[in-house]
PDB file of all heavy atoms in Angstrom:
ATOM      1  N   MET A   1     -25.902  -1.443   6.440  1.00  0.00           N
ATOM      2  CA  MET A   1     -27.196  -0.730   6.626  1.00  0.00           C
ATOM      3  C   MET A   1     -26.962   0.577   7.397  1.00  0.00           C
ATOM      4  O   MET A   1     -27.560   1.584   7.226  1.00  0.00           O
ATOM      5  CB  MET A   1     -28.115  -1.564   7.468  1.00  0.00           C
ATOM      6  CG  MET A   1     -28.612  -2.815   6.716  1.00  0.00           C
ATOM      7  SD  MET A   1     -29.728  -3.821   7.669  1.00  0.00           S
ATOM      8  CE  MET A   1     -31.084  -2.886   8.091  1.00  0.00           C
ATOM      9  N   PHE A   2     -25.972   0.536   8.343  1.00  0.00           N
ATOM     10  CA  PHE A   2     -25.787   1.681   9.262  1.00  0.00           C
ATOM     11  C   PHE A   2     -24.394   2.246   9.357  1.00  0.00           C
ATOM     12  O   PHE A   2     -24.105   3.036  10.346  1.00  0.00           O
ATOM     13  CB  PHE A   2     -26.247   1.165  10.724  1.00  0.00           C
ATOM     14  CG  PHE A   2     -27.556   0.701  10.871  1.00  0.00           C
ATOM     15  CD1 PHE A   2     -27.775  -0.730  10.996  1.00  0.00           C
ATOM     16  CD2 PHE A   2     -28.695   1.548  10.669  1.00  0.00           C
ATOM     17  CE1 PHE A   2     -29.133  -1.168  11.155  1.00  0.00           C
ATOM     18  CE2 PHE A   2     -30.047   0.951  10.819  1.00  0.00           C
ATOM     19  CZ  PHE A   2     -30.164  -0.387  11.063  1.00  0.00           C
ATOM     20  N   LYS A   3     -23.531   2.064   8.345  1.00  0.00           N
ATOM     21  CA  LYS A   3     -22.255   2.480   8.482  1.00  0.00           C
ATOM     22  C   LYS A   3     -22.161   4.143   8.559  1.00  0.00           C
ATOM     23  O   LYS A   3     -21.259   4.688   9.022  1.00  0.00           O
ATOM     24  CB  LYS A   3     -21.405   2.055   7.190  1.00  0.00           C
ATOM     25  CG  LYS A   3     -21.816   2.568   5.852  1.00  0.00           C
ATOM     26  CD  LYS A   3     -21.014   2.027   4.732  1.00  0.00           C
ATOM     27  CE  LYS A   3     -21.504   2.399   3.458  1.00  0.00           C
ATOM     28  NZ  LYS A   3     -20.819   1.788   2.373  1.00  0.00           N
ATOM     29  N   ASP A   4     -23.119   4.687   7.877  1.00  0.00           N
ATOM     30  CA  ASP A   4     -23.192   6.184   7.898  1.00  0.00           C
ATOM     31  C   ASP A   4     -23.740   6.853   9.153  1.00  0.00           C
ATOM     32  O   ASP A   4     -23.519   7.960   9.420  1.00  0.00           O
ATOM     33  CB  ASP A   4     -23.879   6.822   6.631  1.00  0.00           C
ATOM     34  CG  ASP A   4     -23.242   6.329   5.357  1.00  0.00           C
ATOM     35  OD1 ASP A   4     -21.878   6.204   5.387  1.00  0.00           O
ATOM     36  OD2 ASP A   4     -23.896   6.100   4.398  1.00  0.00           O
ATOM     37  N   ALA A   5     -24.526   6.013   9.855  1.00  0.00           N
ATOM     38  CA  ALA A   5     -25.150   6.509  11.117  1.00  0.00           C
ATOM     39  C   ALA A   5     -25.347   5.231  12.063  1.00  0.00           C
ATOM     40  O   ALA A   5     -26.418   4.850  12.304  1.00  0.00           O
ATOM     41  CB  ALA A   5     -26.675   7.063  10.781  1.00  0.00           C
ATOM     42  N   PRO A   6     -24.179   4.810  12.576  1.00  0.00           N
ATOM     43  CA  PRO A   6     -24.281   3.617  13.400  1.00  0.00           C
ATOM     44  C   PRO A   6     -24.754   3.965  14.739  1.00  0.00           C
ATOM     45  O   PRO A   6     -24.710   5.095  15.201  1.00  0.00           O
ATOM     46  CB  PRO A   6     -22.797   3.243  13.537  1.00  0.00           C
ATOM     47  CG  PRO A   6     -21.977   4.354  13.320  1.00  0.00           C
ATOM     48  CD  PRO A   6     -22.821   5.192  12.194  1.00  0.00           C
ATOM     49  N   ASN A   7     -25.175   2.915  15.512  1.00  0.00           N
ATOM     50  CA  ASN A   7     -25.504   3.028  16.987  1.00  0.00           C
ATOM     51  C   ASN A   7     -24.288   3.609  17.596  1.00  0.00           C
ATOM     52  O   ASN A   7     -23.225   3.157  17.322  1.00  0.00           O
ATOM     53  CB  ASN A   7     -25.916   1.584  17.397  1.00  0.00           C
ATOM     54  CG  ASN A   7     -26.210   1.627  18.953  1.00  0.00           C
ATOM     55  OD1 ASN A   7     -25.319   2.016  19.771  1.00  0.00           O
ATOM     56  ND2 ASN A   7     -27.410   1.153  19.295  1.00  0.00           N
ATOM     57  N   GLU A   8     -24.482   4.408  18.575  1.00  0.00           N
ATOM     58  CA  GLU A   8     -23.360   4.987  19.379  1.00  0.00           C
ATOM     59  C   GLU A   8     -22.322   4.010  19.772  1.00  0.00           C
ATOM     60  O   GLU A   8     -21.143   4.225  19.851  1.00  0.00           O
ATOM     61  CB  GLU A   8     -23.907   5.868  20.537  1.00  0.00           C
ATOM     62  CG  GLU A   8     -22.860   6.601  21.319  1.00  0.00           C
ATOM     63  CD  GLU A   8     -23.468   7.429  22.483  1.00  0.00           C
ATOM     64  OE1 GLU A   8     -24.551   8.031  22.164  1.00  0.00           O
ATOM     65  OE2 GLU A   8     -22.833   7.416  23.497  1.00  0.00           O
ATOM     66  N   ALA A   9     -22.797   2.834  20.297  1.00  0.00           N
ATOM     67  CA  ALA A   9     -21.914   1.747  20.812  1.00  0.00           C
ATOM     68  C   ALA A   9     -21.058   1.226  19.707  1.00  0.00           C
ATOM     69  O   ALA A   9     -19.884   0.561  20.009  1.00  0.00           O
ATOM     70  CB  ALA A   9     -22.651   0.661  21.493  1.00  0.00           C
ATOM     71  N   LEU A  10     -21.454   1.381  18.475  1.00  0.00           N
ATOM     72  CA  LEU A  10     -20.641   0.669  17.331  1.00  0.00           C
ATOM     73  C   LEU A  10     -19.991   1.705  16.438  1.00  0.00           C
ATOM     74  O   LEU A  10     -19.572   1.330  15.389  1.00  0.00           O
ATOM     75  CB  LEU A  10     -21.602  -0.195  16.454  1.00  0.00           C
ATOM     76  CG  LEU A  10     -22.228  -1.302  17.416  1.00  0.00           C
ATOM     77  CD1 LEU A  10     -23.244  -2.172  16.490  1.00  0.00           C
ATOM     78  CD2 LEU A  10     -21.073  -2.307  17.885  1.00  0.00           C
ATOM     79  N   THR A  11     -19.895   2.909  16.743  1.00  0.00           N
ATOM     80  CA  THR A  11     -19.409   3.941  15.964  1.00  0.00           C
ATOM     81  C   THR A  11     -18.041   3.691  15.593  1.00  0.00           C
ATOM     82  O   THR A  11     -17.515   3.842  14.386  1.00  0.00           O
ATOM     83  CB  THR A  11     -19.581   5.375  16.597  1.00  0.00           C
ATOM     84  OG1 THR A  11     -20.994   5.601  16.759  1.00  0.00           O
ATOM     85  CG2 THR A  11     -19.081   6.490  15.747  1.00  0.00           C
ATOM     86  N   GLN A  12     -17.260   3.482  16.589  1.00  0.00           N
ATOM     87  CA  GLN A  12     -15.851   3.209  16.461  1.00  0.00           C
ATOM     88  C   GLN A  12     -15.574   2.071  15.537  1.00  0.00           C
ATOM     89  O   GLN A  12     -14.717   2.067  14.613  1.00  0.00           O
ATOM     90  CB  GLN A  12     -15.008   3.037  17.686  1.00  0.00           C
ATOM     91  CG  GLN A  12     -13.508   3.047  17.517  1.00  0.00           C
ATOM     92  CD  GLN A  12     -12.914   4.312  16.886  1.00  0.00           C
ATOM     93  OE1 GLN A  12     -13.309   5.367  17.136  1.00  0.00           O
ATOM     94  NE2 GLN A  12     -12.074   4.065  15.846  1.00  0.00           N
ATOM     95  N   GLN A  13     -16.257   0.939  15.831  1.00  0.00           N
ATOM     96  CA  GLN A  13     -16.016  -0.255  15.008  1.00  0.00           C
ATOM     97  C   GLN A  13     -16.376   0.009  13.538  1.00  0.00           C
ATOM     98  O   GLN A  13     -15.681  -0.367  12.538  1.00  0.00           O
ATOM     99  CB  GLN A  13     -16.913  -1.361  15.501  1.00  0.00           C
ATOM    100  CG  GLN A  13     -16.450  -2.073  16.792  1.00  0.00           C
ATOM    101  CD  GLN A  13     -16.986  -1.231  18.011  1.00  0.00           C
ATOM    102  OE1 GLN A  13     -17.473  -0.122  17.928  1.00  0.00           O
ATOM    103  NE2 GLN A  13     -16.759  -1.923  19.225  1.00  0.00           N
ATOM    104  N   CYS A  14     -17.572   0.733  13.266  1.00  0.00           N
ATOM    105  CA  CYS A  14     -17.777   1.003  11.913  1.00  0.00           C
ATOM    106  C   CYS A  14     -16.712   1.887  11.135  1.00  0.00           C
ATOM    107  O   CYS A  14     -16.353   1.739  10.021  1.00  0.00           O
ATOM    108  CB  CYS A  14     -19.148   1.820  11.790  1.00  0.00           C
ATOM    109  SG  CYS A  14     -20.569   0.666  11.992  1.00  0.00           S
ATOM    110  N   LYS A  15     -16.183   2.982  12.025  1.00  0.00           N
ATOM    111  CA  LYS A  15     -15.101   3.721  11.357  1.00  0.00           C
ATOM    112  C   LYS A  15     -13.987   2.841  11.143  1.00  0.00           C
ATOM    113  O   LYS A  15     -13.193   3.018  10.172  1.00  0.00           O
ATOM    114  CB  LYS A  15     -14.775   4.774  12.440  1.00  0.00           C
ATOM    115  CG  LYS A  15     -15.712   5.987  12.502  1.00  0.00           C
ATOM    116  CD  LYS A  15     -15.197   6.957  13.570  1.00  0.00           C
ATOM    117  CE  LYS A  15     -16.312   8.132  13.759  1.00  0.00           C
ATOM    118  NZ  LYS A  15     -15.824   9.026  14.795  1.00  0.00           N
ATOM    119  N   ASP A  16     -13.674   1.846  11.960  1.00  0.00           N
ATOM    120  CA  ASP A  16     -12.466   0.967  11.869  1.00  0.00           C
ATOM    121  C   ASP A  16     -12.630   0.111  10.586  1.00  0.00           C
ATOM    122  O   ASP A  16     -11.725  -0.031   9.841  1.00  0.00           O
ATOM    123  CB  ASP A  16     -12.195   0.095  13.113  1.00  0.00           C
ATOM    124  CG  ASP A  16     -11.740   0.856  14.222  1.00  0.00           C
ATOM    125  OD1 ASP A  16     -11.257   2.086  14.112  1.00  0.00           O
ATOM    126  OD2 ASP A  16     -11.943   0.303  15.356  1.00  0.00           O
ATOM    127  N   VAL A  17     -13.865  -0.364  10.347  1.00  0.00           N
ATOM    128  CA  VAL A  17     -14.142  -1.192   9.142  1.00  0.00           C
ATOM    129  C   VAL A  17     -13.974  -0.379   7.819  1.00  0.00           C
ATOM    130  O   VAL A  17     -13.331  -0.641   7.011  1.00  0.00           O
ATOM    131  CB  VAL A  17     -15.588  -1.810   9.252  1.00  0.00           C
ATOM    132  CG1 VAL A  17     -16.019  -2.378   7.930  1.00  0.00           C
ATOM    133  CG2 VAL A  17     -15.579  -2.892  10.395  1.00  0.00           C
ATOM    134  N   THR A  18     -14.451   0.767   7.965  1.00  0.00           N
ATOM    135  CA  THR A  18     -14.378   1.745   6.734  1.00  0.00           C
ATOM    136  C   THR A  18     -12.850   2.153   6.491  1.00  0.00           C
ATOM    137  O   THR A  18     -12.438   1.935   5.281  1.00  0.00           O
ATOM    138  CB  THR A  18     -15.103   3.065   6.991  1.00  0.00           C
ATOM    139  OG1 THR A  18     -16.593   2.766   7.211  1.00  0.00           O
ATOM    140  CG2 THR A  18     -15.026   4.035   5.815  1.00  0.00           C
ATOM    141  N   ALA A  19     -12.145   2.223   7.533  1.00  0.00           N
ATOM    142  CA  ALA A  19     -10.666   2.601   7.356  1.00  0.00           C
ATOM    143  C   ALA A  19     -10.066   1.362   6.779  1.00  0.00           C
ATOM    144  O   ALA A  19      -9.176   1.479   5.857  1.00  0.00           O
ATOM    145  CB  ALA A  19     -10.135   3.002   8.805  1.00  0.00           C
ATOM    146  N   ALA A  20     -10.356   0.196   7.290  1.00  0.00           N
ATOM    147  CA  ALA A  20      -9.761  -1.007   6.711  1.00  0.00           C
ATOM    148  C   ALA A  20     -10.066  -1.307   5.224  1.00  0.00           C
ATOM    149  O   ALA A  20      -9.257  -1.680   4.429  1.00  0.00           O
ATOM    150  CB  ALA A  20     -10.248  -2.258   7.613  1.00  0.00           C
ATOM    151  N   TYR A  21     -11.354  -0.992   4.904  1.00  0.00           N
ATOM    152  CA  TYR A  21     -11.723  -1.072   3.521  1.00  0.00           C
ATOM    153  C   TYR A  21     -10.923  -0.050   2.627  1.00  0.00           C
ATOM    154  O   TYR A  21     -10.426  -0.449   1.575  1.00  0.00           O
ATOM    155  CB  TYR A  21     -13.281  -0.796   3.260  1.00  0.00           C
ATOM    156  CG  TYR A  21     -14.139  -1.898   3.514  1.00  0.00           C
ATOM    157  CD1 TYR A  21     -15.266  -1.886   4.297  1.00  0.00           C
ATOM    158  CD2 TYR A  21     -13.917  -3.196   2.940  1.00  0.00           C
ATOM    159  CE1 TYR A  21     -16.108  -2.908   4.521  1.00  0.00           C
ATOM    160  CE2 TYR A  21     -14.699  -4.344   3.140  1.00  0.00           C
ATOM    161  CZ  TYR A  21     -15.881  -4.193   3.913  1.00  0.00           C
ATOM    162  OH  TYR A  21     -16.674  -5.219   4.027  1.00  0.00           O
ATOM    163  N   GLU A  22     -10.627   1.115   3.158  1.00  0.00           N
ATOM    164  CA  GLU A  22      -9.861   2.135   2.435  1.00  0.00           C
ATOM    165  C   GLU A  22      -8.393   1.609   2.229  1.00  0.00           C
ATOM    166  O   GLU A  22      -7.790   1.739   1.259  1.00  0.00           O
ATOM    167  CB  GLU A  22     -10.053   3.410   3.106  1.00  0.00           C
ATOM    168  CG  GLU A  22     -11.330   4.130   3.051  1.00  0.00           C
ATOM    169  CD  GLU A  22     -11.419   5.315   4.058  1.00  0.00           C
ATOM    170  OE1 GLU A  22     -10.478   5.720   4.701  1.00  0.00           O
ATOM    171  OE2 GLU A  22     -12.417   5.991   3.865  1.00  0.00           O
ATOM    172  N   ARG A  23      -7.878   1.006   3.316  1.00  0.00           N
ATOM    173  CA  ARG A  23      -6.462   0.470   3.295  1.00  0.00           C
ATOM    174  C   ARG A  23      -6.331  -0.612   2.256  1.00  0.00           C
ATOM    175  O   ARG A  23      -5.445  -0.708   1.539  1.00  0.00           O
ATOM    176  CB  ARG A  23      -6.036   0.102   4.672  1.00  0.00           C
ATOM    177  CG  ARG A  23      -5.770   1.276   5.645  1.00  0.00           C
ATOM    178  CD  ARG A  23      -5.022   0.789   6.787  1.00  0.00           C
ATOM    179  NE  ARG A  23      -5.680  -0.216   7.670  1.00  0.00           N
ATOM    180  CZ  ARG A  23      -6.611   0.082   8.552  1.00  0.00           C
ATOM    181  NH1 ARG A  23      -6.967   1.262   8.962  1.00  0.00           N
ATOM    182  NH2 ARG A  23      -7.219  -0.862   9.239  1.00  0.00           N
ATOM    183  N   ILE A  24      -7.416  -1.480   2.260  1.00  0.00           N
ATOM    184  CA  ILE A  24      -7.373  -2.659   1.264  1.00  0.00           C
ATOM    185  C   ILE A  24      -7.447  -1.956  -0.114  1.00  0.00           C
ATOM    186  O   ILE A  24      -6.655  -2.336  -1.032  1.00  0.00           O
ATOM    187  CB  ILE A  24      -8.658  -3.502   1.636  1.00  0.00           C
ATOM    188  CG1 ILE A  24      -8.419  -4.261   2.751  1.00  0.00           C
ATOM    189  CG2 ILE A  24      -8.869  -4.378   0.356  1.00  0.00           C
ATOM    190  CD1 ILE A  24      -9.593  -5.059   3.208  1.00  0.00           C
ATOM    191  N   ALA A  25      -8.246  -1.066  -0.436  1.00  0.00           N
ATOM    192  CA  ALA A  25      -8.519  -0.489  -1.732  1.00  0.00           C
ATOM    193  C   ALA A  25      -7.086   0.118  -2.141  1.00  0.00           C
ATOM    194  O   ALA A  25      -6.690   0.072  -3.245  1.00  0.00           O
ATOM    195  CB  ALA A  25      -9.583   0.481  -1.817  1.00  0.00           C
ATOM    196  N   CYS A  26      -6.510   0.806  -1.278  1.00  0.00           N
ATOM    197  CA  CYS A  26      -5.152   1.506  -1.503  1.00  0.00           C
ATOM    198  C   CYS A  26      -4.125   0.504  -1.804  1.00  0.00           C
ATOM    199  O   CYS A  26      -3.422   0.659  -2.799  1.00  0.00           O
ATOM    200  CB  CYS A  26      -4.810   2.350  -0.280  1.00  0.00           C
ATOM    201  SG  CYS A  26      -3.432   3.510  -0.625  1.00  0.00           S
ATOM    202  N   LYS A  27      -4.024  -0.576  -1.032  1.00  0.00           N
ATOM    203  CA  LYS A  27      -3.042  -1.562  -1.297  1.00  0.00           C
ATOM    204  C   LYS A  27      -3.274  -2.335  -2.567  1.00  0.00           C
ATOM    205  O   LYS A  27      -2.446  -2.598  -3.230  1.00  0.00           O
ATOM    206  CB  LYS A  27      -2.981  -2.524  -0.082  1.00  0.00           C
ATOM    207  CG  LYS A  27      -2.271  -1.800   1.122  1.00  0.00           C
ATOM    208  CD  LYS A  27      -2.421  -2.544   2.341  1.00  0.00           C
ATOM    209  CE  LYS A  27      -1.881  -1.832   3.497  1.00  0.00           C
ATOM    210  NZ  LYS A  27      -1.649  -2.603   4.684  1.00  0.00           N
ATOM    211  N   GLN A  28      -4.569  -2.534  -2.883  1.00  0.00           N
ATOM    212  CA  GLN A  28      -4.877  -3.189  -4.158  1.00  0.00           C
ATOM    213  C   GLN A  28      -4.467  -2.254  -5.267  1.00  0.00           C
ATOM    214  O   GLN A  28      -3.903  -2.773  -6.380  1.00  0.00           O
ATOM    215  CB  GLN A  28      -6.407  -3.469  -4.251  1.00  0.00           C
ATOM    216  CG  GLN A  28      -6.787  -4.625  -3.375  1.00  0.00           C
ATOM    217  CD  GLN A  28      -8.281  -4.804  -3.370  1.00  0.00           C
ATOM    218  OE1 GLN A  28      -8.959  -3.914  -3.471  1.00  0.00           O
ATOM    219  NE2 GLN A  28      -8.776  -6.111  -3.107  1.00  0.00           N
ATOM    220  N   LYS A  29      -4.726  -0.975  -5.153  1.00  0.00           N
ATOM    221  CA  LYS A  29      -4.275   0.073  -6.213  1.00  0.00           C
ATOM    222  C   LYS A  29      -2.724  -0.164  -6.355  1.00  0.00           C
ATOM    223  O   LYS A  29      -2.221  -0.181  -7.533  1.00  0.00           O
ATOM    224  CB  LYS A  29      -4.780   1.302  -5.967  1.00  0.00           C
ATOM    225  CG  LYS A  29      -4.212   2.384  -6.785  1.00  0.00           C
ATOM    226  CD  LYS A  29      -4.710   2.234  -8.239  1.00  0.00           C
ATOM    227  CE  LYS A  29      -4.330   3.510  -9.130  1.00  0.00           C
ATOM    228  NZ  LYS A  29      -3.966   3.105 -10.499  1.00  0.00           N
ATOM    229  N   GLU A  30      -2.082  -0.102  -5.286  1.00  0.00           N
ATOM    230  CA  GLU A  30      -0.526  -0.180  -5.299  1.00  0.00           C
ATOM    231  C   GLU A  30      -0.161  -1.560  -5.924  1.00  0.00           C
ATOM    232  O   GLU A  30       0.871  -1.416  -6.719  1.00  0.00           O
ATOM    233  CB  GLU A  30      -0.005   0.001  -3.864  1.00  0.00           C
ATOM    234  CG  GLU A  30       1.442   0.139  -3.809  1.00  0.00           C
ATOM    235  CD  GLU A  30       1.900   0.575  -2.478  1.00  0.00           C
ATOM    236  OE1 GLU A  30       1.178   0.789  -1.556  1.00  0.00           O
ATOM    237  OE2 GLU A  30       3.119   0.622  -2.247  1.00  0.00           O
ATOM    238  N   LEU A  31      -0.734  -2.576  -5.637  1.00  0.00           N
ATOM    239  CA  LEU A  31      -0.344  -3.916  -6.154  1.00  0.00           C
ATOM    240  C   LEU A  31      -0.635  -3.798  -7.694  1.00  0.00           C
ATOM    241  O   LEU A  31       0.220  -4.288  -8.543  1.00  0.00           O
ATOM    242  CB  LEU A  31      -1.315  -5.043  -5.657  1.00  0.00           C
ATOM    243  CG  LEU A  31      -0.758  -5.682  -4.458  1.00  0.00           C
ATOM    244  CD1 LEU A  31      -1.824  -6.558  -3.876  1.00  0.00           C
ATOM    245  CD2 LEU A  31       0.565  -6.406  -4.593  1.00  0.00           C
ATOM    246  N   GLU A  32      -1.734  -3.202  -8.137  1.00  0.00           N
ATOM    247  CA  GLU A  32      -1.941  -3.076  -9.663  1.00  0.00           C
ATOM    248  C   GLU A  32      -0.909  -2.113 -10.259  1.00  0.00           C
ATOM    249  O   GLU A  32      -0.480  -2.640 -11.406  1.00  0.00           O
ATOM    250  CB  GLU A  32      -3.381  -2.399  -9.828  1.00  0.00           C
ATOM    251  CG  GLU A  32      -3.723  -2.234 -11.174  1.00  0.00           C
ATOM    252  CD  GLU A  32      -5.199  -1.525 -11.354  1.00  0.00           C
ATOM    253  OE1 GLU A  32      -5.969  -1.872 -10.583  1.00  0.00           O
ATOM    254  OE2 GLU A  32      -5.187  -0.661 -12.269  1.00  0.00           O
ATOM    255  N   ASP A  33      -0.546  -1.090  -9.636  1.00  0.00           N
ATOM    256  CA  ASP A  33       0.499  -0.309 -10.127  1.00  0.00           C
ATOM    257  C   ASP A  33       1.831  -0.943 -10.237  1.00  0.00           C
ATOM    258  O   ASP A  33       2.629  -0.756 -11.194  1.00  0.00           O
ATOM    259  CB  ASP A  33       0.675   1.088  -9.468  1.00  0.00           C
ATOM    260  CG  ASP A  33      -0.612   1.936  -9.676  1.00  0.00           C
ATOM    261  OD1 ASP A  33      -1.380   1.736 -10.607  1.00  0.00           O
ATOM    262  OD2 ASP A  33      -0.728   2.951  -8.873  1.00  0.00           O
ATOM    263  N   LEU A  34       2.130  -1.818  -9.157  1.00  0.00           N
ATOM    264  CA  LEU A  34       3.357  -2.523  -9.299  1.00  0.00           C
ATOM    265  C   LEU A  34       3.438  -3.561 -10.380  1.00  0.00           C
ATOM    266  O   LEU A  34       4.460  -3.756 -10.890  1.00  0.00           O
ATOM    267  CB  LEU A  34       3.572  -3.187  -7.927  1.00  0.00           C
ATOM    268  CG  LEU A  34       4.029  -2.258  -6.708  1.00  0.00           C
ATOM    269  CD1 LEU A  34       4.071  -2.975  -5.445  1.00  0.00           C
ATOM    270  CD2 LEU A  34       5.433  -1.588  -7.036  1.00  0.00           C
ATOM    271  N   ARG A  35       2.286  -4.152 -10.626  1.00  0.00           N
ATOM    272  CA  ARG A  35       2.153  -5.128 -11.736  1.00  0.00           C
ATOM    273  C   ARG A  35       2.505  -4.335 -13.074  1.00  0.00           C
ATOM    274  O   ARG A  35       3.186  -4.946 -13.932  1.00  0.00           O
ATOM    275  CB  ARG A  35       0.810  -5.764 -11.829  1.00  0.00           C
ATOM    276  CG  ARG A  35       0.592  -6.793 -10.854  1.00  0.00           C
ATOM    277  CD  ARG A  35      -0.694  -7.551 -11.100  1.00  0.00           C
ATOM    278  NE  ARG A  35      -1.221  -8.111  -9.836  1.00  0.00           N
ATOM    279  CZ  ARG A  35      -2.076  -7.609  -9.120  1.00  0.00           C
ATOM    280  NH1 ARG A  35      -2.952  -6.684  -9.486  1.00  0.00           N
ATOM    281  NH2 ARG A  35      -2.560  -8.193  -7.950  1.00  0.00           N
ATOM    282  N   ASN A  36       1.979  -3.171 -13.172  1.00  0.00           N
ATOM    283  CA  ASN A  36       2.172  -2.378 -14.398  1.00  0.00           C
ATOM    284  C   ASN A  36       3.561  -1.698 -14.510  1.00  0.00           C
ATOM    285  O   ASN A  36       4.150  -1.494 -15.563  1.00  0.00           O
ATOM    286  CB  ASN A  36       1.251  -1.276 -14.517  1.00  0.00           C
ATOM    287  CG  ASN A  36      -0.274  -1.699 -14.669  1.00  0.00           C
ATOM    288  OD1 ASN A  36      -0.464  -2.804 -15.245  1.00  0.00           O
ATOM    289  ND2 ASN A  36      -1.202  -0.964 -14.279  1.00  0.00           N
ATOM    290  N   TYR A  37       4.243  -1.567 -13.343  1.00  0.00           N
ATOM    291  CA  TYR A  37       5.463  -0.931 -13.290  1.00  0.00           C
ATOM    292  C   TYR A  37       6.631  -1.787 -14.031  1.00  0.00           C
ATOM    293  O   TYR A  37       7.332  -1.129 -14.660  1.00  0.00           O
ATOM    294  CB  TYR A  37       5.983  -0.761 -11.764  1.00  0.00           C
ATOM    295  CG  TYR A  37       7.252  -0.077 -11.603  1.00  0.00           C
ATOM    296  CD1 TYR A  37       7.269   1.412 -11.766  1.00  0.00           C
ATOM    297  CD2 TYR A  37       8.420  -0.693 -11.189  1.00  0.00           C
ATOM    298  CE1 TYR A  37       8.390   2.072 -11.571  1.00  0.00           C
ATOM    299  CE2 TYR A  37       9.514   0.034 -11.069  1.00  0.00           C
ATOM    300  CZ  TYR A  37       9.605   1.429 -11.168  1.00  0.00           C
ATOM    301  OH  TYR A  37      10.810   2.223 -11.029  1.00  0.00           O
ATOM    302  N   GLY A  38       6.551  -3.029 -13.832  1.00  0.00           N
ATOM    303  CA  GLY A  38       7.552  -3.843 -14.560  1.00  0.00           C
ATOM    304  C   GLY A  38       7.256  -3.810 -16.206  1.00  0.00           C
ATOM    305  O   GLY A  38       8.194  -4.184 -16.956  1.00  0.00           O
ATOM    306  N   SER A  39       6.121  -3.453 -16.543  1.00  0.00           N
ATOM    307  CA  SER A  39       5.717  -3.562 -18.017  1.00  0.00           C
ATOM    308  C   SER A  39       5.744  -2.216 -18.690  1.00  0.00           C
ATOM    309  O   SER A  39       5.012  -1.869 -19.499  1.00  0.00           O
ATOM    310  CB  SER A  39       4.468  -4.205 -18.185  1.00  0.00           C
ATOM    311  OG  SER A  39       3.510  -3.500 -17.617  1.00  0.00           O
ATOM    312  N   GLY A  40       6.533  -1.241 -18.025  1.00  0.00           N
ATOM    313  CA  GLY A  40       6.704   0.096 -18.635  1.00  0.00           C
ATOM    314  C   GLY A  40       5.603   1.056 -18.122  1.00  0.00           C
ATOM    315  O   GLY A  40       5.481   2.194 -18.665  1.00  0.00           O
ATOM    316  N   GLY A  41       4.895   0.751 -17.171  1.00  0.00           N
ATOM    317  CA  GLY A  41       3.784   1.598 -16.613  1.00  0.00           C
ATOM    318  C   GLY A  41       4.338   2.570 -15.823  1.00  0.00           C
ATOM    319  O   GLY A  41       5.512   2.802 -15.608  1.00  0.00           O
ATOM    320  N   GLU A  42       3.441   3.341 -15.102  1.00  0.00           N
ATOM    321  CA  GLU A  42       3.780   4.539 -14.309  1.00  0.00           C
ATOM    322  C   GLU A  42       4.433   3.907 -13.059  1.00  0.00           C
ATOM    323  O   GLU A  42       4.314   2.837 -12.622  1.00  0.00           O
ATOM    324  CB  GLU A  42       2.538   5.331 -13.919  1.00  0.00           C
ATOM    325  CG  GLU A  42       1.980   6.052 -15.098  1.00  0.00           C
ATOM    326  CD  GLU A  42       2.958   7.097 -15.673  1.00  0.00           C
ATOM    327  OE1 GLU A  42       3.559   7.824 -14.875  1.00  0.00           O
ATOM    328  OE2 GLU A  42       3.047   7.216 -16.818  1.00  0.00           O
ATOM    329  N   ALA A  43       5.086   4.775 -12.280  1.00  0.00           N
ATOM    330  CA  ALA A  43       5.624   4.417 -10.976  1.00  0.00           C
ATOM    331  C   ALA A  43       4.564   4.048 -10.083  1.00  0.00           C
ATOM    332  O   ALA A  43       3.304   4.408 -10.278  1.00  0.00           O
ATOM    333  CB  ALA A  43       6.368   5.680 -10.448  1.00  0.00           C
TER     334      ALA A  43
END
């Protein structure tokens, strides 16, 4: 509900959650690419 405009006391926690989601997405993409790498896919 409030990730874009959190209460001042929770601003840092919301930023940390967003950053964690971004790291998860990035690592999932890297895993996907690694799965494709062995089958002639891109690096």
